[in-house]
PDB file of all heavy atoms in Angstrom:
ATOM      1  N   ILE A   1      -3.457  -1.654  -4.062  1.00  0.00           N
ATOM      2  CA  ILE A   1      -2.093  -2.185  -3.807  1.00  0.00           C
ATOM      3  C   ILE A   1      -1.163  -1.854  -4.942  1.00  0.00           C
ATOM      4  O   ILE A   1      -0.020  -1.390  -4.543  1.00  0.00           O
ATOM      5  CB  ILE A   1      -2.129  -3.643  -3.600  1.00  0.00           C
ATOM      6  CG1 ILE A   1      -2.982  -4.050  -2.316  1.00  0.00           C
ATOM      7  CG2 ILE A   1      -0.722  -4.287  -3.534  1.00  0.00           C
ATOM      8  CD1 ILE A   1      -3.342  -5.508  -2.117  1.00  0.00           C
ATOM      9  N   THR A   2      -1.491  -1.982  -6.158  1.00  0.00           N
ATOM     10  CA  THR A   2      -0.668  -1.717  -7.219  1.00  0.00           C
ATOM     11  C   THR A   2      -0.303  -0.097  -7.360  1.00  0.00           C
ATOM     12  O   THR A   2       0.809   0.258  -7.473  1.00  0.00           O
ATOM     13  CB  THR A   2      -1.150  -2.156  -8.651  1.00  0.00           C
ATOM     14  OG1 THR A   2      -2.473  -1.473  -8.931  1.00  0.00           O
ATOM     15  CG2 THR A   2      -1.370  -3.555  -8.568  1.00  0.00           C
ATOM     16  N   ALA A   3      -1.394   0.687  -6.933  1.00  0.00           N
ATOM     17  CA  ALA A   3      -1.133   2.068  -6.934  1.00  0.00           C
ATOM     18  C   ALA A   3      -0.183   2.554  -5.910  1.00  0.00           C
ATOM     19  O   ALA A   3       0.508   3.520  -6.047  1.00  0.00           O
ATOM     20  CB  ALA A   3      -2.495   2.870  -6.817  1.00  0.00           C
ATOM     21  N   ALA A   4      -0.027   1.784  -4.817  1.00  0.00           N
ATOM     22  CA  ALA A   4       0.804   2.148  -3.615  1.00  0.00           C
ATOM     23  C   ALA A   4       2.134   1.553  -3.928  1.00  0.00           C
ATOM     24  O   ALA A   4       3.039   1.909  -3.022  1.00  0.00           O
ATOM     25  CB  ALA A   4       0.155   1.740  -2.372  1.00  0.00           C
ATOM     26  N   SER A   5       2.387   0.669  -4.847  1.00  0.00           N
ATOM     27  CA  SER A   5       3.629  -0.103  -4.904  1.00  0.00           C
ATOM     28  C   SER A   5       4.499   0.468  -5.918  1.00  0.00           C
ATOM     29  O   SER A   5       4.047   0.630  -7.132  1.00  0.00           O
ATOM     30  CB  SER A   5       3.251  -1.572  -5.161  1.00  0.00           C
ATOM     31  OG  SER A   5       4.566  -2.463  -5.368  1.00  0.00           O
ATOM     32  N   ALA A   6       5.847   0.575  -5.606  1.00  0.00           N
ATOM     33  CA  ALA A   6       6.805   1.027  -6.539  1.00  0.00           C
ATOM     34  C   ALA A   6       7.558   0.012  -7.203  1.00  0.00           C
ATOM     35  O   ALA A   6       8.539   0.173  -7.864  1.00  0.00           O
ATOM     36  CB  ALA A   6       7.842   1.970  -5.835  1.00  0.00           C
ATOM     37  N   VAL A   7       7.183  -1.332  -6.993  1.00  0.00           N
ATOM     38  CA  VAL A   7       7.724  -2.476  -7.561  1.00  0.00           C
ATOM     39  C   VAL A   7       6.618  -3.348  -8.135  1.00  0.00           C
ATOM     40  O   VAL A   7       5.510  -3.170  -7.925  1.00  0.00           O
ATOM     41  CB  VAL A   7       8.543  -3.272  -6.443  1.00  0.00           C
ATOM     42  CG1 VAL A   7       9.615  -2.566  -5.818  1.00  0.00           C
ATOM     43  CG2 VAL A   7       7.615  -4.000  -5.420  1.00  0.00           C
ATOM     44  N   PRO A   8       7.020  -4.361  -9.090  1.00  0.00           N
ATOM     45  CA  PRO A   8       6.019  -5.204  -9.639  1.00  0.00           C
ATOM     46  C   PRO A   8       5.164  -5.961  -8.632  1.00  0.00           C
ATOM     47  O   PRO A   8       5.656  -6.280  -7.628  1.00  0.00           O
ATOM     48  CB  PRO A   8       6.838  -6.165 -10.505  1.00  0.00           C
ATOM     49  CG  PRO A   8       8.103  -5.410 -10.731  1.00  0.00           C
ATOM     50  CD  PRO A   8       8.384  -4.666  -9.500  1.00  0.00           C
ATOM     51  N   VAL A   9       3.859  -6.097  -8.903  1.00  0.00           N
ATOM     52  CA  VAL A   9       2.908  -6.807  -8.153  1.00  0.00           C
ATOM     53  C   VAL A   9       2.450  -7.935  -8.833  1.00  0.00           C
ATOM     54  O   VAL A   9       1.941  -7.862  -9.951  1.00  0.00           O
ATOM     55  CB  VAL A   9       1.818  -5.896  -7.644  1.00  0.00           C
ATOM     56  CG1 VAL A   9       0.885  -6.701  -6.633  1.00  0.00           C
ATOM     57  CG2 VAL A   9       2.380  -4.639  -6.974  1.00  0.00           C
ATOM     58  N   ASN A  10       2.425  -9.189  -8.200  1.00  0.00           N
ATOM     59  CA  ASN A  10       1.822 -10.461  -8.626  1.00  0.00           C
ATOM     60  C   ASN A  10       0.557 -10.614  -7.926  1.00  0.00           C
ATOM     61  O   ASN A  10       0.345 -10.353  -6.758  1.00  0.00           O
ATOM     62  CB  ASN A  10       2.725 -11.620  -8.419  1.00  0.00           C
ATOM     63  CG  ASN A  10       2.206 -12.881  -9.008  1.00  0.00           C
ATOM     64  OD1 ASN A  10       2.192 -13.005 -10.263  1.00  0.00           O
ATOM     65  ND2 ASN A  10       1.663 -13.738  -8.098  1.00  0.00           N
ATOM     66  N   GLY A  11      -0.540 -10.935  -8.761  1.00  0.00           N
ATOM     67  CA  GLY A  11      -1.868 -11.047  -8.189  1.00  0.00           C
ATOM     68  C   GLY A  11      -2.257 -12.442  -7.855  1.00  0.00           C
ATOM     69  O   GLY A  11      -2.166 -13.357  -8.717  1.00  0.00           O
ATOM     70  N   ASP A  12      -2.877 -12.723  -6.673  1.00  0.00           N
ATOM     71  CA  ASP A  12      -3.613 -13.909  -6.362  1.00  0.00           C
ATOM     72  C   ASP A  12      -4.895 -13.853  -6.956  1.00  0.00           C
ATOM     73  O   ASP A  12      -5.813 -13.246  -6.468  1.00  0.00           O
ATOM     74  CB  ASP A  12      -3.639 -14.068  -4.788  1.00  0.00           C
ATOM     75  CG  ASP A  12      -4.354 -15.336  -4.546  1.00  0.00           C
ATOM     76  OD1 ASP A  12      -4.927 -16.082  -5.329  1.00  0.00           O
ATOM     77  OD2 ASP A  12      -4.310 -15.665  -3.185  1.00  0.00           O
ATOM     78  N   LEU A  13      -5.103 -14.469  -8.118  1.00  0.00           N
ATOM     79  CA  LEU A  13      -6.288 -14.488  -8.957  1.00  0.00           C
ATOM     80  C   LEU A  13      -7.246 -15.639  -8.767  1.00  0.00           C
ATOM     81  O   LEU A  13      -8.129 -15.948  -9.679  1.00  0.00           O
ATOM     82  CB  LEU A  13      -5.951 -14.266 -10.474  1.00  0.00           C
ATOM     83  CG  LEU A  13      -4.982 -13.090 -10.689  1.00  0.00           C
ATOM     84  CD1 LEU A  13      -4.617 -12.947 -12.150  1.00  0.00           C
ATOM     85  CD2 LEU A  13      -5.651 -11.725 -10.132  1.00  0.00           C
ATOM     86  N   GLU A  14      -7.117 -16.366  -7.640  1.00  0.00           N
ATOM     87  CA  GLU A  14      -7.865 -17.513  -7.371  1.00  0.00           C
ATOM     88  C   GLU A  14      -7.964 -18.498  -8.641  1.00  0.00           C
ATOM     89  O   GLU A  14      -6.836 -18.800  -9.167  1.00  0.00           O
ATOM     90  CB  GLU A  14      -9.381 -17.095  -7.071  1.00  0.00           C
ATOM     91  CG  GLU A  14      -9.404 -16.042  -5.827  1.00  0.00           C
ATOM     92  CD  GLU A  14      -9.450 -16.779  -4.470  1.00  0.00           C
ATOM     93  OE1 GLU A  14      -9.326 -17.979  -4.393  1.00  0.00           O
ATOM     94  OE2 GLU A  14      -9.690 -16.016  -3.460  1.00  0.00           O
ATOM     95  N   ASP A  15      -9.106 -18.926  -8.917  1.00  0.00           N
ATOM     96  CA  ASP A  15      -9.248 -19.855 -10.025  1.00  0.00           C
ATOM     97  C   ASP A  15      -9.569 -19.114 -11.330  1.00  0.00           C
ATOM     98  O   ASP A  15     -10.093 -19.745 -12.329  1.00  0.00           O
ATOM     99  CB  ASP A  15     -10.189 -20.970  -9.827  1.00  0.00           C
ATOM    100  CG  ASP A  15     -11.703 -20.450  -9.721  1.00  0.00           C
ATOM    101  OD1 ASP A  15     -11.887 -19.274  -9.626  1.00  0.00           O
ATOM    102  OD2 ASP A  15     -12.615 -21.240  -9.872  1.00  0.00           O
ATOM    103  N   GLY A  16      -9.295 -17.791 -11.369  1.00  0.00           N
ATOM    104  CA  GLY A  16      -9.847 -16.917 -12.580  1.00  0.00           C
ATOM    105  C   GLY A  16     -11.124 -16.465 -12.381  1.00  0.00           C
ATOM    106  O   GLY A  16     -11.733 -15.849 -13.377  1.00  0.00           O
ATOM    107  N   TYR A  17     -11.862 -16.741 -11.289  1.00  0.00           N
ATOM    108  CA  TYR A  17     -13.249 -16.359 -11.072  1.00  0.00           C
ATOM    109  C   TYR A  17     -14.246 -16.884 -12.056  1.00  0.00           C
ATOM    110  O   TYR A  17     -15.117 -16.174 -12.504  1.00  0.00           O
ATOM    111  CB  TYR A  17     -13.282 -14.776 -10.950  1.00  0.00           C
ATOM    112  CG  TYR A  17     -12.626 -14.298  -9.869  1.00  0.00           C
ATOM    113  CD1 TYR A  17     -11.247 -13.934  -9.904  1.00  0.00           C
ATOM    114  CD2 TYR A  17     -13.110 -14.233  -8.472  1.00  0.00           C
ATOM    115  CE1 TYR A  17     -10.491 -13.501  -8.768  1.00  0.00           C
ATOM    116  CE2 TYR A  17     -12.427 -13.769  -7.408  1.00  0.00           C
ATOM    117  CZ  TYR A  17     -11.106 -13.381  -7.510  1.00  0.00           C
ATOM    118  OH  TYR A  17     -10.333 -12.962  -6.476  1.00  0.00           O
ATOM    119  N   GLY A  18     -14.145 -18.202 -12.377  1.00  0.00           N
ATOM    120  CA  GLY A  18     -15.071 -18.837 -13.196  1.00  0.00           C
ATOM    121  C   GLY A  18     -14.410 -20.114 -13.968  1.00  0.00           C
ATOM    122  O   GLY A  18     -13.237 -20.011 -14.122  1.00  0.00           O
ATOM    123  N   GLU A  19     -15.203 -21.085 -14.211  1.00  0.00           N
ATOM    124  CA  GLU A  19     -14.779 -22.277 -14.850  1.00  0.00           C
ATOM    125  C   GLU A  19     -14.369 -22.020 -16.392  1.00  0.00           C
ATOM    126  O   GLU A  19     -13.263 -22.634 -16.698  1.00  0.00           O
ATOM    127  CB  GLU A  19     -15.691 -23.361 -14.591  1.00  0.00           C
ATOM    128  CG  GLU A  19     -15.309 -24.716 -15.293  1.00  0.00           C
ATOM    129  CD  GLU A  19     -16.313 -25.717 -15.027  1.00  0.00           C
ATOM    130  OE1 GLU A  19     -17.021 -25.760 -14.019  1.00  0.00           O
ATOM    131  OE2 GLU A  19     -16.489 -26.684 -15.968  1.00  0.00           O
ATOM    132  N   PRO A  20     -15.209 -21.479 -17.080  1.00  0.00           N
ATOM    133  CA  PRO A  20     -14.877 -21.318 -18.598  1.00  0.00           C
ATOM    134  C   PRO A  20     -13.566 -20.586 -18.921  1.00  0.00           C
ATOM    135  O   PRO A  20     -13.346 -19.688 -18.163  1.00  0.00           O
ATOM    136  CB  PRO A  20     -16.134 -20.560 -19.073  1.00  0.00           C
ATOM    137  CG  PRO A  20     -17.226 -20.707 -18.085  1.00  0.00           C
ATOM    138  CD  PRO A  20     -16.409 -20.841 -16.737  1.00  0.00           C
ATOM    139  N   PRO A  21     -12.913 -21.091 -19.801  1.00  0.00           N
ATOM    140  CA  PRO A  21     -11.610 -20.421 -20.212  1.00  0.00           C
ATOM    141  C   PRO A  21     -11.768 -18.971 -20.570  1.00  0.00           C
ATOM    142  O   PRO A  21     -10.902 -18.123 -20.146  1.00  0.00           O
ATOM    143  CB  PRO A  21     -11.219 -21.058 -21.472  1.00  0.00           C
ATOM    144  CG  PRO A  21     -11.710 -22.603 -21.183  1.00  0.00           C
ATOM    145  CD  PRO A  21     -13.076 -22.365 -20.579  1.00  0.00           C
ATOM    146  N   ASP A  22     -12.957 -18.511 -21.120  1.00  0.00           N
ATOM    147  CA  ASP A  22     -13.094 -17.167 -21.443  1.00  0.00           C
ATOM    148  C   ASP A  22     -13.303 -16.249 -20.234  1.00  0.00           C
ATOM    149  O   ASP A  22     -12.816 -15.083 -20.211  1.00  0.00           O
ATOM    150  CB  ASP A  22     -14.299 -16.904 -22.414  1.00  0.00           C
ATOM    151  CG  ASP A  22     -15.626 -17.385 -21.861  1.00  0.00           C
ATOM    152  OD1 ASP A  22     -15.602 -18.151 -20.778  1.00  0.00           O
ATOM    153  OD2 ASP A  22     -16.722 -17.049 -22.379  1.00  0.00           O
ATOM    154  N   GLU A  23     -13.790 -16.892 -19.117  1.00  0.00           N
ATOM    155  CA  GLU A  23     -13.929 -16.087 -17.756  1.00  0.00           C
ATOM    156  C   GLU A  23     -12.455 -15.931 -17.328  1.00  0.00           C
ATOM    157  O   GLU A  23     -12.097 -14.786 -16.672  1.00  0.00           O
ATOM    158  CB  GLU A  23     -14.733 -16.896 -16.824  1.00  0.00           C
ATOM    159  CG  GLU A  23     -16.198 -16.591 -16.963  1.00  0.00           C
ATOM    160  CD  GLU A  23     -16.563 -15.085 -16.867  1.00  0.00           C
ATOM    161  OE1 GLU A  23     -16.179 -14.480 -16.054  1.00  0.00           O
ATOM    162  OE2 GLU A  23     -17.369 -14.691 -17.778  1.00  0.00           O
ATOM    163  N   VAL A  24     -11.577 -16.927 -17.428  1.00  0.00           N
ATOM    164  CA  VAL A  24     -10.189 -16.888 -17.004  1.00  0.00           C
ATOM    165  C   VAL A  24      -9.456 -15.721 -17.729  1.00  0.00           C
ATOM    166  O   VAL A  24      -8.760 -14.951 -17.288  1.00  0.00           O
ATOM    167  CB  VAL A  24      -9.500 -18.142 -17.067  1.00  0.00           C
ATOM    168  CG1 VAL A  24      -8.026 -18.009 -16.601  1.00  0.00           C
ATOM    169  CG2 VAL A  24     -10.183 -19.259 -16.313  1.00  0.00           C
ATOM    170  N   ALA A  25      -9.738 -15.713 -19.084  1.00  0.00           N
ATOM    171  CA  ALA A  25      -9.083 -14.671 -19.864  1.00  0.00           C
ATOM    172  C   ALA A  25      -9.578 -13.375 -19.507  1.00  0.00           C
ATOM    173  O   ALA A  25      -8.762 -12.385 -19.524  1.00  0.00           O
ATOM    174  CB  ALA A  25      -9.470 -15.031 -21.379  1.00  0.00           C
ATOM    175  N   LYS A  26     -10.832 -13.238 -19.180  1.00  0.00           N
ATOM    176  CA  LYS A  26     -11.355 -11.842 -18.691  1.00  0.00           C
ATOM    177  C   LYS A  26     -10.668 -11.323 -17.463  1.00  0.00           C
ATOM    178  O   LYS A  26     -10.328 -10.310 -17.300  1.00  0.00           O
ATOM    179  CB  LYS A  26     -12.849 -11.946 -18.479  1.00  0.00           C
ATOM    180  CG  LYS A  26     -13.524 -10.691 -17.972  1.00  0.00           C
ATOM    181  CD  LYS A  26     -14.996 -10.736 -17.710  1.00  0.00           C
ATOM    182  CE  LYS A  26     -15.623  -9.465 -17.294  1.00  0.00           C
ATOM    183  NZ  LYS A  26     -17.121  -9.756 -17.036  1.00  0.00           N
ATOM    184  N   THR A  27     -10.418 -12.326 -16.513  1.00  0.00           N
ATOM    185  CA  THR A  27      -9.718 -11.946 -15.353  1.00  0.00           C
ATOM    186  C   THR A  27      -8.318 -11.507 -15.574  1.00  0.00           C
ATOM    187  O   THR A  27      -7.876 -10.552 -14.915  1.00  0.00           O
ATOM    188  CB  THR A  27      -9.738 -13.246 -14.353  1.00  0.00           C
ATOM    189  OG1 THR A  27     -10.957 -13.557 -14.003  1.00  0.00           O
ATOM    190  CG2 THR A  27      -8.857 -12.940 -13.186  1.00  0.00           C
ATOM    191  N   ILE A  28      -7.575 -12.184 -16.531  1.00  0.00           N
ATOM    192  CA  ILE A  28      -6.253 -11.849 -16.871  1.00  0.00           C
ATOM    193  C   ILE A  28      -6.289 -10.331 -17.421  1.00  0.00           C
ATOM    194  O   ILE A  28      -5.460  -9.541 -17.068  1.00  0.00           O
ATOM    195  CB  ILE A  28      -5.575 -12.713 -17.794  1.00  0.00           C
ATOM    196  CG1 ILE A  28      -5.470 -14.094 -17.176  1.00  0.00           C
ATOM    197  CG2 ILE A  28      -4.254 -12.225 -18.296  1.00  0.00           C
ATOM    198  CD1 ILE A  28      -4.563 -14.152 -16.001  1.00  0.00           C
ATOM    199  N   ARG A  29      -7.226 -10.060 -18.223  1.00  0.00           N
ATOM    200  CA  ARG A  29      -7.267  -8.733 -18.837  1.00  0.00           C
ATOM    201  C   ARG A  29      -7.624  -7.670 -17.757  1.00  0.00           C
ATOM    202  O   ARG A  29      -7.059  -6.559 -17.745  1.00  0.00           O
ATOM    203  CB  ARG A  29      -8.357  -8.624 -19.873  1.00  0.00           C
ATOM    204  CG  ARG A  29      -8.000  -9.412 -21.272  1.00  0.00           C
ATOM    205  CD  ARG A  29      -8.922  -9.059 -22.290  1.00  0.00           C
ATOM    206  NE  ARG A  29     -10.261  -9.728 -22.084  1.00  0.00           N
ATOM    207  CZ  ARG A  29     -10.611 -10.907 -22.500  1.00  0.00           C
ATOM    208  NH1 ARG A  29      -9.839 -11.718 -23.137  1.00  0.00           N
ATOM    209  NH2 ARG A  29     -11.947 -11.323 -22.303  1.00  0.00           N
ATOM    210  N   LEU A  30      -8.464  -7.942 -16.792  1.00  0.00           N
ATOM    211  CA  LEU A  30      -8.729  -7.182 -15.660  1.00  0.00           C
ATOM    212  C   LEU A  30      -7.461  -7.015 -14.828  1.00  0.00           C
ATOM    213  O   LEU A  30      -7.197  -5.883 -14.380  1.00  0.00           O
ATOM    214  CB  LEU A  30      -9.835  -7.645 -14.798  1.00  0.00           C
ATOM    215  CG  LEU A  30     -11.276  -7.615 -15.384  1.00  0.00           C
ATOM    216  CD1 LEU A  30     -12.184  -8.412 -14.530  1.00  0.00           C
ATOM    217  CD2 LEU A  30     -11.803  -6.234 -15.527  1.00  0.00           C
TER     218      LEU A  30
END
């Protein structure tokens, strides 16, 4: 989706794919 888009894209990142804060941080980096 981002590769096809010429405008900024906001992601639906669920709950960060994990309860621990470090998993949420990993999701943001991804």
